[in-house]
All heavy atoms as atom14 arrays in JSON, in Angstrom:
{
  "sequence": "IRERNLLAPLAAVTLTSASFAVVRVFLWPDSLPLRVALEVAYRIILLT",
  "atom14_mask": [
    [1, 1, 1, 1, 1, 1, 1, 1, 0, 0, 0, 0, 0, 0],
    [1, 1, 1, 1, 1, 1, 1, 1, 1, 1, 1, 0, 0, 0],
    [1, 1, 1, 1, 1, 1, 1, 1, 1, 0, 0, 0, 0, 0],
    [1, 1, 1, 1, 1, 1, 1, 1, 1, 1, 1, 0, 0, 0],
    [1, 1, 1, 1, 1, 1, 1, 1, 0, 0, 0, 0, 0, 0],
    [1, 1, 1, 1, 1, 1, 1, 1, 0, 0, 0, 0, 0, 0],
    [1, 1, 1, 1, 1, 1, 1, 1, 0, 0, 0, 0, 0, 0],
    [1, 1, 1, 1, 1, 0, 0, 0, 0, 0, 0, 0, 0, 0],
    [1, 1, 1, 1, 1, 1, 1, 0, 0, 0, 0, 0, 0, 0],
    [1, 1, 1, 1, 1, 1, 1, 1, 0, 0, 0, 0, 0, 0],
    [1, 1, 1, 1, 1, 0, 0, 0, 0, 0, 0, 0, 0, 0],
    [1, 1, 1, 1, 1, 0, 0, 0, 0, 0, 0, 0, 0, 0],
    [1, 1, 1, 1, 1, 1, 1, 0, 0, 0, 0, 0, 0, 0],
    [1, 1, 1, 1, 1, 1, 1, 0, 0, 0, 0, 0, 0, 0],
    [1, 1, 1, 1, 1, 1, 1, 1, 0, 0, 0, 0, 0, 0],
    [1, 1, 1, 1, 1, 1, 1, 0, 0, 0, 0, 0, 0, 0],
    [1, 1, 1, 1, 1, 1, 0, 0, 0, 0, 0, 0, 0, 0],
    [1, 1, 1, 1, 1, 0, 0, 0, 0, 0, 0, 0, 0, 0],
    [1, 1, 1, 1, 1, 1, 0, 0, 0, 0, 0, 0, 0, 0],
    [1, 1, 1, 1, 1, 1, 1, 1, 1, 1, 1, 0, 0, 0],
    [1, 1, 1, 1, 1, 0, 0, 0, 0, 0, 0, 0, 0, 0],
    [1, 1, 1, 1, 1, 1, 1, 0, 0, 0, 0, 0, 0, 0],
    [1, 1, 1, 1, 1, 1, 1, 0, 0, 0, 0, 0, 0, 0],
    [1, 1, 1, 1, 1, 1, 1, 1, 1, 1, 1, 0, 0, 0],
    [1, 1, 1, 1, 1, 1, 1, 0, 0, 0, 0, 0, 0, 0],
    [1, 1, 1, 1, 1, 1, 1, 1, 1, 1, 1, 0, 0, 0],
    [1, 1, 1, 1, 1, 1, 1, 1, 0, 0, 0, 0, 0, 0],
    [1, 1, 1, 1, 1, 1, 1, 1, 1, 1, 1, 1, 1, 1],
    [1, 1, 1, 1, 1, 1, 1, 0, 0, 0, 0, 0, 0, 0],
    [1, 1, 1, 1, 1, 1, 1, 1, 0, 0, 0, 0, 0, 0],
    [1, 1, 1, 1, 1, 1, 0, 0, 0, 0, 0, 0, 0, 0],
    [1, 1, 1, 1, 1, 1, 1, 1, 0, 0, 0, 0, 0, 0],
    [1, 1, 1, 1, 1, 1, 1, 0, 0, 0, 0, 0, 0, 0],
    [1, 1, 1, 1, 1, 1, 1, 1, 0, 0, 0, 0, 0, 0],
    [1, 1, 1, 1, 1, 1, 1, 1, 1, 1, 1, 0, 0, 0],
    [1, 1, 1, 1, 1, 1, 1, 0, 0, 0, 0, 0, 0, 0],
    [1, 1, 1, 1, 1, 0, 0, 0, 0, 0, 0, 0, 0, 0],
    [1, 1, 1, 1, 1, 1, 1, 1, 0, 0, 0, 0, 0, 0],
    [1, 1, 1, 1, 1, 1, 1, 1, 1, 0, 0, 0, 0, 0],
    [1, 1, 1, 1, 1, 1, 1, 0, 0, 0, 0, 0, 0, 0],
    [1, 1, 1, 1, 1, 0, 0, 0, 0, 0, 0, 0, 0, 0],
    [1, 1, 1, 1, 1, 1, 1, 1, 1, 1, 1, 1, 0, 0],
    [1, 1, 1, 1, 1, 1, 1, 1, 1, 1, 1, 0, 0, 0],
    [1, 1, 1, 1, 1, 1, 1, 1, 0, 0, 0, 0, 0, 0],
    [1, 1, 1, 1, 1, 1, 1, 1, 0, 0, 0, 0, 0, 0],
    [1, 1, 1, 1, 1, 1, 1, 1, 0, 0, 0, 0, 0, 0],
    [1, 1, 1, 1, 1, 1, 1, 1, 0, 0, 0, 0, 0, 0],
    [1, 1, 1, 1, 1, 1, 1, 0, 0, 0, 0, 0, 0, 0]
  ],
  "atom14_positions": [
    [[7.34, -15.76, -12.34], [6.55, -16.02, -13.55], [7.04, -15.22, -14.75], [6.39, -15.22, -15.8], [5.05, -15.77, -13.31], [4.77, -14.31, -12.99], [4.53, -16.71, -12.24], [3.31, -13.97, -12.82], [0.0, 0.0, 0.0], [0.0, 0.0, 0.0], [0.0, 0.0, 0.0], [0.0, 0.0, 0.0], [0.0, 0.0, 0.0], [0.0, 0.0, 0.0]],
    [[8.14, -14.49, -14.56], [8.76, -13.67, -15.63], [7.82, -12.61, -16.18], [7.68, -12.39, -17.39], [9.25, -14.54, -16.75], [10.42, -15.42, -16.33], [10.85, -16.36, -17.45], [12.0, -17.11, -17.03], [12.03, -18.22, -16.32], [10.88, -18.64, -15.81], [13.14, -18.84, -16.03], [0.0, 0.0, 0.0], [0.0, 0.0, 0.0], [0.0, 0.0, 0.0]],
    [[7.11, -11.95, -15.26], [6.21, -10.84, -15.59], [6.86, -9.53, -15.23], [6.51, -8.86, -14.29], [4.91, -11.04, -14.86], [3.77, -10.18, -15.34], [3.32, -10.55, -16.74], [3.18, -11.74, -17.04], [3.11, -9.59, -17.52], [0.0, 0.0, 0.0], [0.0, 0.0, 0.0], [0.0, 0.0, 0.0], [0.0, 0.0, 0.0], [0.0, 0.0, 0.0]],
    [[7.88, -9.18, -15.95], [8.73, -7.99, -15.62], [7.99, -6.65, -15.85], [8.37, -5.71, -15.23], [10.03, -8.01, -16.43], [10.74, -9.34, -16.29], [12.18, -9.14, -15.89], [13.01, -10.31, -16.04], [13.09, -11.26, -15.11], [12.3, -11.23, -14.09], [13.89, -12.29, -15.26], [0.0, 0.0, 0.0], [0.0, 0.0, 0.0], [0.0, 0.0, 0.0]],
    [[6.97, -6.62, -16.67], [6.31, -5.35, -16.89], [5.42, -4.92, -15.75], [4.96, -3.82, -15.69], [5.47, -5.42, -18.19], [4.42, -6.53, -18.18], [4.43, -7.4, -17.3], [3.54, -6.48, -19.13], [0.0, 0.0, 0.0], [0.0, 0.0, 0.0], [0.0, 0.0, 0.0], [0.0, 0.0, 0.0], [0.0, 0.0, 0.0], [0.0, 0.0, 0.0]],
    [[5.22, -5.82, -14.79], [4.46, -5.46, -13.57], [5.33, -4.97, -12.43], [4.8, -4.55, -11.42], [3.61, -6.64, -13.1], [2.43, -7.06, -14.01], [1.75, -8.26, -13.46], [1.44, -5.9, -14.16], [0.0, 0.0, 0.0], [0.0, 0.0, 0.0], [0.0, 0.0, 0.0], [0.0, 0.0, 0.0], [0.0, 0.0, 0.0], [0.0, 0.0, 0.0]],
    [[6.63, -5.06, -12.6], [7.54, -4.68, -11.48], [7.57, -3.17, -11.24], [7.61, -2.77, -10.08], [8.95, -5.18, -11.8], [9.14, -6.7, -11.7], [10.52, -7.08, -12.09], [8.81, -7.2, -10.3], [0.0, 0.0, 0.0], [0.0, 0.0, 0.0], [0.0, 0.0, 0.0], [0.0, 0.0, 0.0], [0.0, 0.0, 0.0], [0.0, 0.0, 0.0]],
    [[7.52, -2.36, -12.26], [7.49, -0.89, -12.07], [6.23, -0.41, -11.37], [6.29, 0.36, -10.41], [7.72, -0.17, -13.38], [0.0, 0.0, 0.0], [0.0, 0.0, 0.0], [0.0, 0.0, 0.0], [0.0, 0.0, 0.0], [0.0, 0.0, 0.0], [0.0, 0.0, 0.0], [0.0, 0.0, 0.0], [0.0, 0.0, 0.0], [0.0, 0.0, 0.0]],
    [[5.03, -0.83, -11.84], [3.85, -0.44, -11.09], [3.8, -0.99, -9.66], [3.33, -0.33, -8.76], [2.67, -1.02, -11.91], [3.19, -1.26, -13.24], [4.67, -1.52, -13.08], [0.0, 0.0, 0.0], [0.0, 0.0, 0.0], [0.0, 0.0, 0.0], [0.0, 0.0, 0.0], [0.0, 0.0, 0.0], [0.0, 0.0, 0.0], [0.0, 0.0, 0.0]],
    [[4.32, -2.19, -9.47], [4.4, -2.75, -8.12], [5.28, -1.9, -7.22], [4.92, -1.64, -6.07], [4.9, -4.21, -8.16], [5.18, -4.82, -6.83], [3.88, -5.04, -6.06], [5.91, -6.12, -7.0], [0.0, 0.0, 0.0], [0.0, 0.0, 0.0], [0.0, 0.0, 0.0], [0.0, 0.0, 0.0], [0.0, 0.0, 0.0], [0.0, 0.0, 0.0]],
    [[6.42, -1.49, -7.75], [7.32, -0.67, -6.93], [6.64, 0.67, -6.56], [6.73, 1.12, -5.44], [8.6, -0.41, -7.69], [0.0, 0.0, 0.0], [0.0, 0.0, 0.0], [0.0, 0.0, 0.0], [0.0, 0.0, 0.0], [0.0, 0.0, 0.0], [0.0, 0.0, 0.0], [0.0, 0.0, 0.0], [0.0, 0.0, 0.0], [0.0, 0.0, 0.0]],
    [[5.93, 1.25, -7.49], [5.24, 2.51, -7.22], [4.14, 2.33, -6.16], [4.04, 3.11, -5.2], [4.64, 3.08, -8.48], [0.0, 0.0, 0.0], [0.0, 0.0, 0.0], [0.0, 0.0, 0.0], [0.0, 0.0, 0.0], [0.0, 0.0, 0.0], [0.0, 0.0, 0.0], [0.0, 0.0, 0.0], [0.0, 0.0, 0.0], [0.0, 0.0, 0.0]],
    [[3.37, 1.29, -6.29], [2.28, 1.06, -5.32], [2.83, 0.64, -3.95], [2.34, 1.1, -2.9], [1.34, -0.06, -5.88], [0.35, -0.49, -4.82], [0.58, 0.48, -7.09], [0.0, 0.0, 0.0], [0.0, 0.0, 0.0], [0.0, 0.0, 0.0], [0.0, 0.0, 0.0], [0.0, 0.0, 0.0], [0.0, 0.0, 0.0], [0.0, 0.0, 0.0]],
    [[3.9, -0.13, -3.93], [4.48, -0.54, -2.67], [5.11, 0.67, -1.92], [4.89, 0.8, -0.75], [5.56, -1.58, -2.92], [4.96, -2.72, -3.54], [6.24, -2.01, -1.64], [0.0, 0.0, 0.0], [0.0, 0.0, 0.0], [0.0, 0.0, 0.0], [0.0, 0.0, 0.0], [0.0, 0.0, 0.0], [0.0, 0.0, 0.0], [0.0, 0.0, 0.0]],
    [[5.86, 1.48, -2.62], [6.44, 2.66, -1.99], [5.38, 3.63, -1.52], [5.49, 4.26, -0.45], [7.43, 3.33, -2.92], [8.73, 2.55, -3.21], [9.56, 3.29, -4.23], [9.48, 2.32, -1.9], [0.0, 0.0, 0.0], [0.0, 0.0, 0.0], [0.0, 0.0, 0.0], [0.0, 0.0, 0.0], [0.0, 0.0, 0.0], [0.0, 0.0, 0.0]],
    [[4.31, 3.79, -2.3], [3.22, 4.63, -1.88], [2.53, 4.08, -0.62], [2.22, 4.85, 0.32], [2.19, 4.8, -3.03], [2.86, 5.29, -4.19], [1.06, 5.67, -2.67], [0.0, 0.0, 0.0], [0.0, 0.0, 0.0], [0.0, 0.0, 0.0], [0.0, 0.0, 0.0], [0.0, 0.0, 0.0], [0.0, 0.0, 0.0], [0.0, 0.0, 0.0]],
    [[2.3, 2.79, -0.59], [1.67, 2.17, 0.58], [2.54, 2.28, 1.83], [2.06, 2.59, 2.91], [1.39, 0.68, 0.29], [0.48, 0.55, -0.76], [0.0, 0.0, 0.0], [0.0, 0.0, 0.0], [0.0, 0.0, 0.0], [0.0, 0.0, 0.0], [0.0, 0.0, 0.0], [0.0, 0.0, 0.0], [0.0, 0.0, 0.0], [0.0, 0.0, 0.0]],
    [[3.84, 2.07, 1.64], [4.74, 2.18, 2.82], [4.81, 3.64, 3.29], [4.81, 3.89, 4.52], [6.14, 1.7, 2.42], [0.0, 0.0, 0.0], [0.0, 0.0, 0.0], [0.0, 0.0, 0.0], [0.0, 0.0, 0.0], [0.0, 0.0, 0.0], [0.0, 0.0, 0.0], [0.0, 0.0, 0.0], [0.0, 0.0, 0.0], [0.0, 0.0, 0.0]],
    [[4.86, 4.59, 2.38], [4.86, 5.97, 2.78], [3.54, 6.36, 3.45], [3.54, 7.07, 4.46], [5.08, 6.88, 1.55], [6.26, 6.57, 0.93], [0.0, 0.0, 0.0], [0.0, 0.0, 0.0], [0.0, 0.0, 0.0], [0.0, 0.0, 0.0], [0.0, 0.0, 0.0], [0.0, 0.0, 0.0], [0.0, 0.0, 0.0], [0.0, 0.0, 0.0]],
    [[2.46, 5.89, 2.92], [1.13, 6.18, 3.53], [1.07, 5.54, 4.9], [0.47, 6.14, 5.82], [0.02, 5.65, 2.63], [-1.36, 5.88, 3.19], [-1.86, 7.15, 3.31], [-2.1, 4.84, 3.64], [-3.1, 7.37, 3.85], [-3.37, 5.04, 4.17], [-3.88, 6.3, 4.29], [0.0, 0.0, 0.0], [0.0, 0.0, 0.0], [0.0, 0.0, 0.0]],
    [[1.64, 4.37, 5.12], [1.62, 3.73, 6.42], [2.35, 4.6, 7.45], [1.88, 4.75, 8.57], [2.27, 2.36, 6.34], [0.0, 0.0, 0.0], [0.0, 0.0, 0.0], [0.0, 0.0, 0.0], [0.0, 0.0, 0.0], [0.0, 0.0, 0.0], [0.0, 0.0, 0.0], [0.0, 0.0, 0.0], [0.0, 0.0, 0.0], [0.0, 0.0, 0.0]],
    [[3.48, 5.17, 7.06], [4.24, 6.03, 7.97], [3.44, 7.3, 8.29], [3.33, 7.71, 9.47], [5.63, 6.34, 7.4], [6.34, 7.43, 8.21], [6.47, 5.09, 7.3], [0.0, 0.0, 0.0], [0.0, 0.0, 0.0], [0.0, 0.0, 0.0], [0.0, 0.0, 0.0], [0.0, 0.0, 0.0], [0.0, 0.0, 0.0], [0.0, 0.0, 0.0]],
    [[2.92, 7.94, 7.24], [2.16, 9.16, 7.46], [0.92, 8.91, 8.31], [0.6, 9.73, 9.19], [1.8, 9.79, 6.08], [0.83, 10.92, 6.23], [3.07, 10.27, 5.36], [0.0, 0.0, 0.0], [0.0, 0.0, 0.0], [0.0, 0.0, 0.0], [0.0, 0.0, 0.0], [0.0, 0.0, 0.0], [0.0, 0.0, 0.0], [0.0, 0.0, 0.0]],
    [[0.23, 7.78, 8.07], [-0.96, 7.5, 8.82], [-0.67, 7.31, 10.32], [-1.41, 7.78, 11.18], [-1.61, 6.24, 8.28], [-2.97, 5.93, 8.89], [-3.41, 4.53, 8.62], [-2.67, 3.57, 9.35], [-2.91, 3.22, 10.62], [-3.82, 3.79, 11.3], [-2.16, 2.3, 11.21], [0.0, 0.0, 0.0], [0.0, 0.0, 0.0], [0.0, 0.0, 0.0]],
    [[0.5, 6.7, 10.64], [0.83, 6.47, 12.05], [1.05, 7.83, 12.74], [0.62, 8.01, 13.92], [2.06, 5.58, 12.18], [2.64, 5.62, 13.57], [1.73, 4.18, 11.81], [0.0, 0.0, 0.0], [0.0, 0.0, 0.0], [0.0, 0.0, 0.0], [0.0, 0.0, 0.0], [0.0, 0.0, 0.0], [0.0, 0.0, 0.0], [0.0, 0.0, 0.0]],
    [[1.71, 8.73, 12.09], [2.02, 10.02, 12.74], [0.89, 11.06, 12.75], [0.69, 11.75, 13.68], [3.25, 10.64, 12.1], [4.52, 9.92, 12.47], [5.33, 9.39, 11.45], [4.93, 9.7, 13.77], [6.49, 8.72, 11.77], [6.03, 9.0, 14.1], [6.85, 8.5, 13.08], [0.0, 0.0, 0.0], [0.0, 0.0, 0.0], [0.0, 0.0, 0.0]],
    [[0.11, 11.08, 11.62], [-0.91, 12.12, 11.55], [-2.31, 11.63, 11.95], [-3.04, 12.4, 12.56], [-0.95, 12.65, 10.09], [0.31, 13.33, 9.6], [0.16, 13.83, 8.19], [0.71, 14.49, 10.56], [0.0, 0.0, 0.0], [0.0, 0.0, 0.0], [0.0, 0.0, 0.0], [0.0, 0.0, 0.0], [0.0, 0.0, 0.0], [0.0, 0.0, 0.0]],
    [[-2.66, 10.42, 11.6], [-4.02, 9.92, 11.88], [-3.96, 8.48, 12.45], [-4.46, 7.56, 11.86], [-4.84, 9.88, 10.6], [-4.83, 11.17, 9.84], [-5.5, 12.31, 10.17], [-4.12, 11.46, 8.62], [-5.21, 13.28, 9.26], [-4.39, 12.77, 8.26], [-3.28, 10.67, 7.77], [-3.87, 13.36, 7.13], [-2.76, 11.26, 6.66], [-3.05, 12.6, 6.37]],
    [[-3.39, 8.34, 13.64], [-3.22, 6.98, 14.17], [-4.51, 6.28, 14.52], [-4.58, 5.06, 14.52], [-2.38, 7.2, 15.39], [-2.58, 8.59, 15.8], [-2.85, 9.33, 14.53], [0.0, 0.0, 0.0], [0.0, 0.0, 0.0], [0.0, 0.0, 0.0], [0.0, 0.0, 0.0], [0.0, 0.0, 0.0], [0.0, 0.0, 0.0], [0.0, 0.0, 0.0]],
    [[-5.58, 6.99, 14.83], [-6.83, 6.39, 15.25], [-7.88, 6.38, 14.17], [-9.06, 6.11, 14.44], [-7.37, 7.12, 16.47], [-6.45, 6.99, 17.67], [-5.76, 5.95, 17.74], [-6.37, 7.92, 18.48], [0.0, 0.0, 0.0], [0.0, 0.0, 0.0], [0.0, 0.0, 0.0], [0.0, 0.0, 0.0], [0.0, 0.0, 0.0], [0.0, 0.0, 0.0]],
    [[-7.54, 6.68, 12.93], [-8.53, 6.78, 11.87], [-8.79, 5.39, 11.31], [-7.93, 4.8, 10.63], [-8.0, 7.7, 10.75], [-8.88, 7.69, 9.68], [0.0, 0.0, 0.0], [0.0, 0.0, 0.0], [0.0, 0.0, 0.0], [0.0, 0.0, 0.0], [0.0, 0.0, 0.0], [0.0, 0.0, 0.0], [0.0, 0.0, 0.0], [0.0, 0.0, 0.0]],
    [[-9.98, 4.87, 11.53], [-10.36, 3.55, 11.05], [-10.45, 3.52, 9.51], [-9.96, 2.54, 8.91], [-11.68, 3.1, 11.67], [-12.17, 1.74, 11.25], [-11.17, 0.67, 11.72], [-13.53, 1.47, 11.84], [0.0, 0.0, 0.0], [0.0, 0.0, 0.0], [0.0, 0.0, 0.0], [0.0, 0.0, 0.0], [0.0, 0.0, 0.0], [0.0, 0.0, 0.0]],
    [[-11.03, 4.49, 8.83], [-11.09, 4.43, 7.37], [-9.73, 4.42, 6.7], [-9.54, 3.67, 5.72], [-11.86, 5.66, 6.96], [-12.65, 6.03, 8.15], [-11.84, 5.62, 9.33], [0.0, 0.0, 0.0], [0.0, 0.0, 0.0], [0.0, 0.0, 0.0], [0.0, 0.0, 0.0], [0.0, 0.0, 0.0], [0.0, 0.0, 0.0], [0.0, 0.0, 0.0]],
    [[-8.76, 5.13, 7.26], [-7.44, 5.11, 6.62], [-6.72, 3.76, 6.9], [-5.93, 3.32, 6.09], [-6.6, 6.3, 7.19], [-7.09, 7.67, 6.8], [-6.24, 8.75, 7.37], [-7.17, 7.78, 5.25], [0.0, 0.0, 0.0], [0.0, 0.0, 0.0], [0.0, 0.0, 0.0], [0.0, 0.0, 0.0], [0.0, 0.0, 0.0], [0.0, 0.0, 0.0]],
    [[-6.97, 3.21, 8.09], [-6.38, 1.89, 8.37], [-6.97, 0.84, 7.44], [-6.24, -0.01, 6.89], [-6.63, 1.47, 9.83], [-5.9, 0.2, 10.22], [-6.22, -0.22, 11.59], [-7.2, -1.31, 11.43], [-7.97, -1.72, 12.39], [-7.91, -1.16, 13.58], [-8.78, -2.73, 12.23], [0.0, 0.0, 0.0], [0.0, 0.0, 0.0], [0.0, 0.0, 0.0]],
    [[-8.27, 0.89, 7.19], [-8.93, -0.03, 6.25], [-8.35, 0.18, 4.85], [-8.1, -0.77, 4.12], [-10.41, 0.14, 6.31], [-11.12, -0.61, 5.18], [-10.95, -0.36, 7.66], [0.0, 0.0, 0.0], [0.0, 0.0, 0.0], [0.0, 0.0, 0.0], [0.0, 0.0, 0.0], [0.0, 0.0, 0.0], [0.0, 0.0, 0.0], [0.0, 0.0, 0.0]],
    [[-8.17, 1.42, 4.47], [-7.59, 1.73, 3.14], [-6.22, 1.11, 2.99], [-5.88, 0.55, 1.93], [-7.55, 3.21, 2.91], [0.0, 0.0, 0.0], [0.0, 0.0, 0.0], [0.0, 0.0, 0.0], [0.0, 0.0, 0.0], [0.0, 0.0, 0.0], [0.0, 0.0, 0.0], [0.0, 0.0, 0.0], [0.0, 0.0, 0.0], [0.0, 0.0, 0.0]],
    [[-5.41, 1.19, 4.03], [-4.05, 0.63, 4.0], [-4.11, -0.88, 3.91], [-3.38, -1.5, 3.13], [-3.26, 1.05, 5.21], [-1.8, 0.73, 5.2], [-1.1, 1.37, 4.0], [-1.16, 1.21, 6.49], [0.0, 0.0, 0.0], [0.0, 0.0, 0.0], [0.0, 0.0, 0.0], [0.0, 0.0, 0.0], [0.0, 0.0, 0.0], [0.0, 0.0, 0.0]],
    [[-5.0, -1.5, 4.67], [-5.13, -2.95, 4.59], [-5.64, -3.42, 3.23], [-5.21, -4.42, 2.7], [-6.0, -3.48, 5.74], [-5.32, -3.33, 7.07], [-6.07, -4.03, 8.2], [-6.93, -4.84, 7.91], [-5.76, -3.72, 9.35], [0.0, 0.0, 0.0], [0.0, 0.0, 0.0], [0.0, 0.0, 0.0], [0.0, 0.0, 0.0], [0.0, 0.0, 0.0]],
    [[-6.56, -2.64, 2.66], [-7.05, -2.99, 1.36], [-5.95, -2.87, 0.3], [-5.8, -3.67, -0.58], [-8.26, -2.08, 0.97], [-8.58, -2.17, -0.51], [-9.48, -2.49, 1.79], [0.0, 0.0, 0.0], [0.0, 0.0, 0.0], [0.0, 0.0, 0.0], [0.0, 0.0, 0.0], [0.0, 0.0, 0.0], [0.0, 0.0, 0.0], [0.0, 0.0, 0.0]],
    [[-5.1, -1.86, 0.48], [-3.98, -1.64, -0.51], [-3.03, -2.83, -0.49], [-2.65, -3.33, -1.57], [-3.22, -0.36, -0.13], [0.0, 0.0, 0.0], [0.0, 0.0, 0.0], [0.0, 0.0, 0.0], [0.0, 0.0, 0.0], [0.0, 0.0, 0.0], [0.0, 0.0, 0.0], [0.0, 0.0, 0.0], [0.0, 0.0, 0.0], [0.0, 0.0, 0.0]],
    [[-2.63, -3.33, 0.7], [-1.7, -4.45, 0.66], [-2.39, -5.75, 0.22], [-1.75, -6.61, -0.34], [-0.94, -4.58, 1.96], [-1.59, -5.33, 3.11], [-1.7, -6.69, 3.1], [-2.11, -4.62, 4.18], [-2.29, -7.35, 4.15], [-2.67, -5.3, 5.22], [-2.78, -6.66, 5.23], [-3.37, -7.29, 6.25], [0.0, 0.0, 0.0], [0.0, 0.0, 0.0]],
    [[-3.66, -5.88, 0.51], [-4.4, -7.07, 0.03], [-4.56, -7.03, -1.52], [-4.55, -8.08, -2.16], [-5.75, -7.17, 0.67], [-5.65, -7.6, 2.13], [-6.97, -7.51, 2.83], [-6.79, -7.53, 4.25], [-7.06, -8.54, 5.03], [-7.5, -9.63, 4.49], [-6.9, -8.49, 6.3], [0.0, 0.0, 0.0], [0.0, 0.0, 0.0], [0.0, 0.0, 0.0]],
    [[-4.71, -5.86, -2.1], [-4.76, -5.75, -3.54], [-3.42, -6.16, -4.15], [-3.34, -6.81, -5.2], [-5.19, -4.32, -3.97], [-6.64, -4.08, -3.66], [-4.87, -4.06, -5.45], [-7.14, -2.69, -3.89], [0.0, 0.0, 0.0], [0.0, 0.0, 0.0], [0.0, 0.0, 0.0], [0.0, 0.0, 0.0], [0.0, 0.0, 0.0], [0.0, 0.0, 0.0]],
    [[-2.29, -5.77, -3.52], [-0.99, -6.18, -3.99], [-0.9, -7.68, -4.0], [-0.49, -8.31, -4.95], [0.13, -5.56, -3.14], [0.19, -4.03, -3.34], [1.47, -6.15, -3.45], [1.05, -3.31, -2.36], [0.0, 0.0, 0.0], [0.0, 0.0, 0.0], [0.0, 0.0, 0.0], [0.0, 0.0, 0.0], [0.0, 0.0, 0.0], [0.0, 0.0, 0.0]],
    [[-1.3, -8.32, -2.89], [-1.25, -9.78, -2.79], [-2.19, -10.45, -3.78], [-1.87, -11.48, -4.36], [-1.55, -10.2, -1.36], [-0.49, -9.93, -0.33], [-0.98, -10.28, 1.07], [0.77, -10.7, -0.64], [0.0, 0.0, 0.0], [0.0, 0.0, 0.0], [0.0, 0.0, 0.0], [0.0, 0.0, 0.0], [0.0, 0.0, 0.0], [0.0, 0.0, 0.0]],
    [[-3.37, -9.9, -3.92], [-4.34, -10.49, -4.87], [-3.85, -10.37, -6.28], [-4.01, -11.34, -7.07], [-5.69, -9.77, -4.68], [-6.82, -10.34, -5.56], [-7.16, -11.76, -5.1], [-8.06, -9.45, -5.45], [0.0, 0.0, 0.0], [0.0, 0.0, 0.0], [0.0, 0.0, 0.0], [0.0, 0.0, 0.0], [0.0, 0.0, 0.0], [0.0, 0.0, 0.0]],
    [[-3.25, -9.29, -6.63], [-2.65, -9.17, -7.99], [-1.58, -10.18, -8.24], [-1.53, -10.82, -9.32], [-2.1, -7.71, -8.19], [-3.15, -6.77, -7.94], [-1.56, -7.53, -9.6], [0.0, 0.0, 0.0], [0.0, 0.0, 0.0], [0.0, 0.0, 0.0], [0.0, 0.0, 0.0], [0.0, 0.0, 0.0], [0.0, 0.0, 0.0], [0.0, 0.0, 0.0]]
  ]
}
């Protein structure tokens, strides 16, 4: 859609989500609120 001004924020949010996913697996694998937060983060990316 040629919306280039959203690519930089998308990259920041995506890298943050991916990093958080890795940290969550190693530090808090059974934490339900953090899993929900991660799922909400990727759904917000898709919704945007």
